[in-house]
Amino acid sequence: MPEGSSIGKLILLLACSTNLIHFQAVAVDAPHRKFEYKYSFKGPQLIQNNGAIPFWTHHGHAIASEDQIRITPSLRSRSGTVWNKNPINFDSWEIELWLRISGKSRVGADGMAIWYTEQPGTSGRVFGASDGWNGLMIVLDSFDNNSKNDNPMIAVIKNDGTQAYDHQNDGMHQILGSCRRDYRNKVYPIKIKIIY
């Protein structure tokens, strides 16, 4: 994104609790709230007859059903992505996600990420998406690549499109803010709320 863009000016407040991440830009006036269906999906009747999700694309091992999207099955070396087709043209926005991260292994896979990028990503090695993104990644990192016992972790990473994600060190030198939070194999879905 260009220098001086809204992401460049974003002031982050990272507050982790059992089921909440909160990023908030400093604002003078409270934003007007309006539900935007083109940026949302939920069941039932999530998919169309052809298996597509209206206003979204899904790739790799992601499977859409009537009431949910399974990003990956609980098998090794699988990845999937879900991207919105529409650019965001709002000065401020808010999203809520309900998700369940589970698997038979105690350790888990690499993790998953929520992206706010200039361009939709393609399949790649960074939590299922391409490296060198221009924007913000909120990562739920399940696997302790750097052996520092700091996972599972929730972290925010900004990239201007020129940096490669450092998997070996869990992106440690690229993180803007993080906290350790156990979100795997819970009996209830976790809720993530992001306010920009």
Protein backbone atom coordinates (compact mmCIF):
# COMPACT_ATOMS: atom_id res chain seq x y z
CA MET A 1 0.00 0.00 0.00
CA PRO A 2 1.25 3.51 -0.64
CA GLU A 3 3.12 5.37 2.09
CA GLY A 4 0.68 7.31 4.27
CA SER A 5 -2.17 4.88 3.58
CA SER A 6 -4.64 4.02 6.32
CA ILE A 7 -2.73 0.83 7.17
CA GLY A 8 0.46 2.88 7.55
CA LYS A 9 -1.33 5.12 10.07
CA LEU A 10 -3.08 2.30 11.93
CA ILE A 11 -2.50 2.27 15.68
CA LEU A 12 -2.91 -1.27 16.97
CA LEU A 13 -4.32 -2.32 20.27
CA LEU A 14 -3.92 -6.04 20.78
CA ALA A 15 -6.04 -7.46 23.55
CA CYS A 16 -6.22 -11.21 23.79
CA SER A 17 -8.71 -13.10 25.85
CA THR A 18 -10.14 -16.58 25.59
CA ASN A 19 -12.04 -15.73 22.46
CA LEU A 20 -11.27 -12.19 21.28
CA ILE A 21 -8.68 -10.27 19.29
CA HIS A 22 -9.36 -6.58 19.00
CA PHE A 23 -7.54 -4.19 16.64
CA GLN A 24 -8.86 -0.67 16.66
CA ALA A 25 -7.82 2.45 14.77
CA VAL A 26 -8.01 5.65 16.77
CA ALA A 27 -11.04 7.63 15.54
CA VAL A 28 -12.78 10.86 16.52
CA ASP A 29 -16.33 9.80 15.67
CA ALA A 30 -17.87 6.35 15.99
CA PRO A 31 -18.39 4.85 12.52
CA HIS A 32 -21.82 4.26 11.03
CA ARG A 33 -22.56 0.52 11.14
CA LYS A 34 -24.14 -1.28 8.21
CA PHE A 35 -24.17 -4.99 7.43
CA GLU A 36 -22.52 -5.65 4.05
CA TYR A 37 -23.68 -9.00 2.68
CA LYS A 38 -21.05 -8.99 -0.11
CA TYR A 39 -18.35 -9.36 2.54
CA SER A 40 -20.13 -11.97 4.63
CA PHE A 41 -21.19 -15.56 4.60
CA LYS A 42 -22.88 -17.90 7.04
CA GLY A 43 -25.03 -20.99 6.92
CA PRO A 44 -27.50 -22.38 6.29
CA GLN A 45 -27.56 -22.20 2.49
CA LEU A 46 -23.96 -21.02 2.38
CA ILE A 47 -23.23 -22.46 -1.06
CA GLN A 48 -24.96 -22.28 -4.42
CA ASN A 49 -25.91 -25.36 -6.48
CA ASN A 50 -22.53 -25.28 -8.27
CA GLY A 51 -20.60 -25.34 -4.95
CA ALA A 52 -19.60 -21.66 -5.13
CA ILE A 53 -19.95 -19.18 -2.28
CA PRO A 54 -21.51 -15.90 -3.47
CA PHE A 55 -18.91 -13.07 -3.60
CA TRP A 56 -16.09 -15.41 -2.47
CA THR A 57 -13.61 -17.85 -4.02
CA HIS A 58 -12.15 -20.89 -2.33
CA HIS A 59 -9.06 -22.82 -3.39
CA GLY A 60 -6.83 -25.74 -2.48
CA HIS A 61 -8.29 -28.15 0.05
CA ALA A 62 -11.05 -25.76 1.24
CA ILE A 63 -14.50 -27.37 1.13
CA ALA A 64 -17.73 -25.40 1.40
CA SER A 65 -20.87 -27.08 2.73
CA GLU A 66 -24.36 -25.80 3.54
CA ASP A 67 -23.39 -24.29 6.89
CA GLN A 68 -19.59 -23.91 7.05
CA ILE A 69 -16.28 -23.86 5.21
CA ARG A 70 -13.61 -26.35 6.13
CA ILE A 71 -10.33 -24.68 5.18
CA THR A 72 -8.31 -27.91 5.44
CA PRO A 73 -8.96 -31.49 6.50
CA SER A 74 -7.07 -32.86 9.49
CA LEU A 75 -4.35 -34.39 7.30
CA ARG A 76 -0.67 -33.52 6.75
CA SER A 77 0.48 -31.08 4.07
CA ARG A 78 -2.94 -29.63 3.26
CA SER A 79 -3.81 -25.98 2.70
CA GLY A 80 -6.80 -24.00 1.58
CA THR A 81 -7.88 -20.39 1.18
CA VAL A 82 -11.08 -18.36 1.00
CA TRP A 83 -10.89 -14.84 -0.51
CA ASN A 84 -13.51 -12.17 -0.97
CA LYS A 85 -13.88 -10.97 -4.57
CA ASN A 86 -14.68 -7.34 -3.71
CA PRO A 87 -12.24 -4.62 -2.68
CA ILE A 88 -12.96 -2.83 0.59
CA ASN A 89 -13.69 0.84 0.00
CA PHE A 90 -14.50 1.82 3.58
CA ASP A 91 -12.55 4.10 5.90
CA SER A 92 -13.44 1.82 8.80
CA TRP A 93 -14.86 -1.69 9.11
CA GLU A 94 -15.47 -4.53 11.53
CA ILE A 95 -15.54 -8.29 11.05
CA GLU A 96 -16.48 -11.20 13.27
CA LEU A 97 -15.37 -14.76 12.65
CA TRP A 98 -16.44 -17.89 14.45
CA LEU A 99 -14.01 -20.74 13.89
CA ARG A 100 -12.87 -24.03 15.25
CA ILE A 101 -9.27 -25.15 14.95
CA SER A 102 -8.95 -28.83 15.75
CA GLY A 103 -7.07 -32.01 15.00
CA LYS A 104 -6.00 -35.26 16.58
CA SER A 105 -2.42 -34.15 17.21
CA ARG A 106 -1.60 -32.23 20.37
CA VAL A 107 0.86 -30.01 18.46
CA GLY A 108 -1.21 -29.15 15.41
CA ALA A 109 -0.40 -27.80 12.00
CA ASP A 110 1.32 -24.55 11.05
CA GLY A 111 -1.79 -22.45 11.64
CA MET A 112 -4.05 -20.08 9.73
CA ALA A 113 -4.24 -16.40 8.88
CA ILE A 114 -6.75 -13.64 8.22
CA TRP A 115 -5.57 -11.26 5.52
CA TYR A 116 -6.26 -7.61 4.68
CA THR A 117 -4.26 -7.12 1.51
CA GLU A 118 -4.10 -4.89 -1.53
CA GLN A 119 -4.66 -7.86 -3.88
CA PRO A 120 -6.30 -11.24 -3.24
CA GLY A 121 -3.67 -13.84 -2.51
CA THR A 122 -2.85 -16.94 -4.46
CA SER A 123 -1.97 -20.34 -3.06
CA GLY A 124 1.43 -20.39 -1.43
CA ARG A 125 3.63 -21.25 1.53
CA VAL A 126 2.47 -18.62 4.05
CA PHE A 127 -0.45 -20.23 5.87
CA GLY A 128 -1.88 -21.35 2.51
CA ALA A 129 -1.40 -18.03 0.72
CA SER A 130 1.35 -16.36 -1.30
CA ASP A 131 4.34 -14.59 0.22
CA GLY A 132 5.22 -10.95 -0.40
CA TRP A 133 1.72 -9.64 0.31
CA ASN A 134 1.04 -5.94 0.65
CA GLY A 135 -1.10 -5.41 3.74
CA LEU A 136 -1.82 -6.96 7.10
CA MET A 137 -1.87 -10.60 8.25
CA ILE A 138 -3.41 -11.72 11.53
CA VAL A 139 -1.95 -15.15 12.14
CA LEU A 140 -3.03 -17.92 14.48
CA ASP A 141 0.28 -19.78 14.60
CA SER A 142 -0.11 -23.30 16.04
CA PHE A 143 3.35 -24.78 15.48
CA ASP A 144 6.49 -23.78 17.38
CA ASN A 145 9.00 -23.54 14.49
CA ASN A 146 11.58 -21.57 16.51
CA SER A 147 11.42 -23.89 19.59
CA LYS A 148 10.82 -20.99 22.02
CA ASN A 149 7.60 -22.47 23.49
CA ASP A 150 5.64 -19.37 22.41
CA ASN A 151 2.88 -21.15 20.48
CA PRO A 152 -0.01 -21.28 19.96
CA MET A 153 0.27 -17.57 19.27
CA ILE A 154 -1.90 -14.86 17.76
CA ALA A 155 0.15 -12.19 15.97
CA VAL A 156 -0.16 -9.24 13.61
CA ILE A 157 2.31 -8.83 10.76
CA LYS A 158 2.44 -5.98 8.26
CA ASN A 159 4.18 -6.32 4.91
CA ASP A 160 4.78 -3.73 2.21
CA GLY A 161 5.11 -6.41 -0.49
CA THR A 162 8.90 -6.66 -0.27
CA GLN A 163 9.41 -8.99 2.70
CA ALA A 164 9.39 -12.78 2.77
CA TYR A 165 7.73 -14.41 5.77
CA ASP A 166 10.32 -16.00 8.10
CA HIS A 167 8.80 -19.44 8.83
CA GLN A 168 11.87 -20.75 10.64
CA ASN A 169 11.49 -18.08 13.34
CA ASP A 170 7.67 -17.86 13.31
CA GLY A 171 7.98 -14.36 11.80
CA MET A 172 9.35 -13.12 15.13
CA HIS A 173 11.21 -10.12 13.67
CA GLN A 174 8.17 -9.09 11.59
CA ILE A 175 5.49 -9.14 14.29
CA LEU A 176 3.86 -5.83 15.29
CA GLY A 177 2.12 -7.35 18.31
CA SER A 178 1.34 -10.83 19.63
CA CYS A 179 0.10 -12.88 22.54
CA ARG A 180 0.09 -16.53 23.43
CA ARG A 181 -3.40 -18.06 23.45
CA ASP A 182 -4.54 -21.69 23.32
CA TYR A 183 -7.35 -21.87 20.75
CA ARG A 184 -6.94 -25.44 19.49
CA ASN A 185 -9.33 -28.34 20.17
CA LYS A 186 -11.80 -26.33 22.23
CA VAL A 187 -15.30 -27.74 22.71
CA TYR A 188 -16.75 -24.44 21.52
CA PRO A 189 -15.87 -22.27 18.49
CA ILE A 190 -13.65 -19.27 19.14
CA LYS A 191 -14.72 -15.79 18.13
CA ILE A 192 -12.38 -13.29 16.52
CA LYS A 193 -13.49 -9.69 16.16
CA ILE A 194 -11.37 -7.24 14.17
CA ILE A 195 -12.15 -3.52 14.14
CA TYR A 196 -10.33 -1.21 11.74
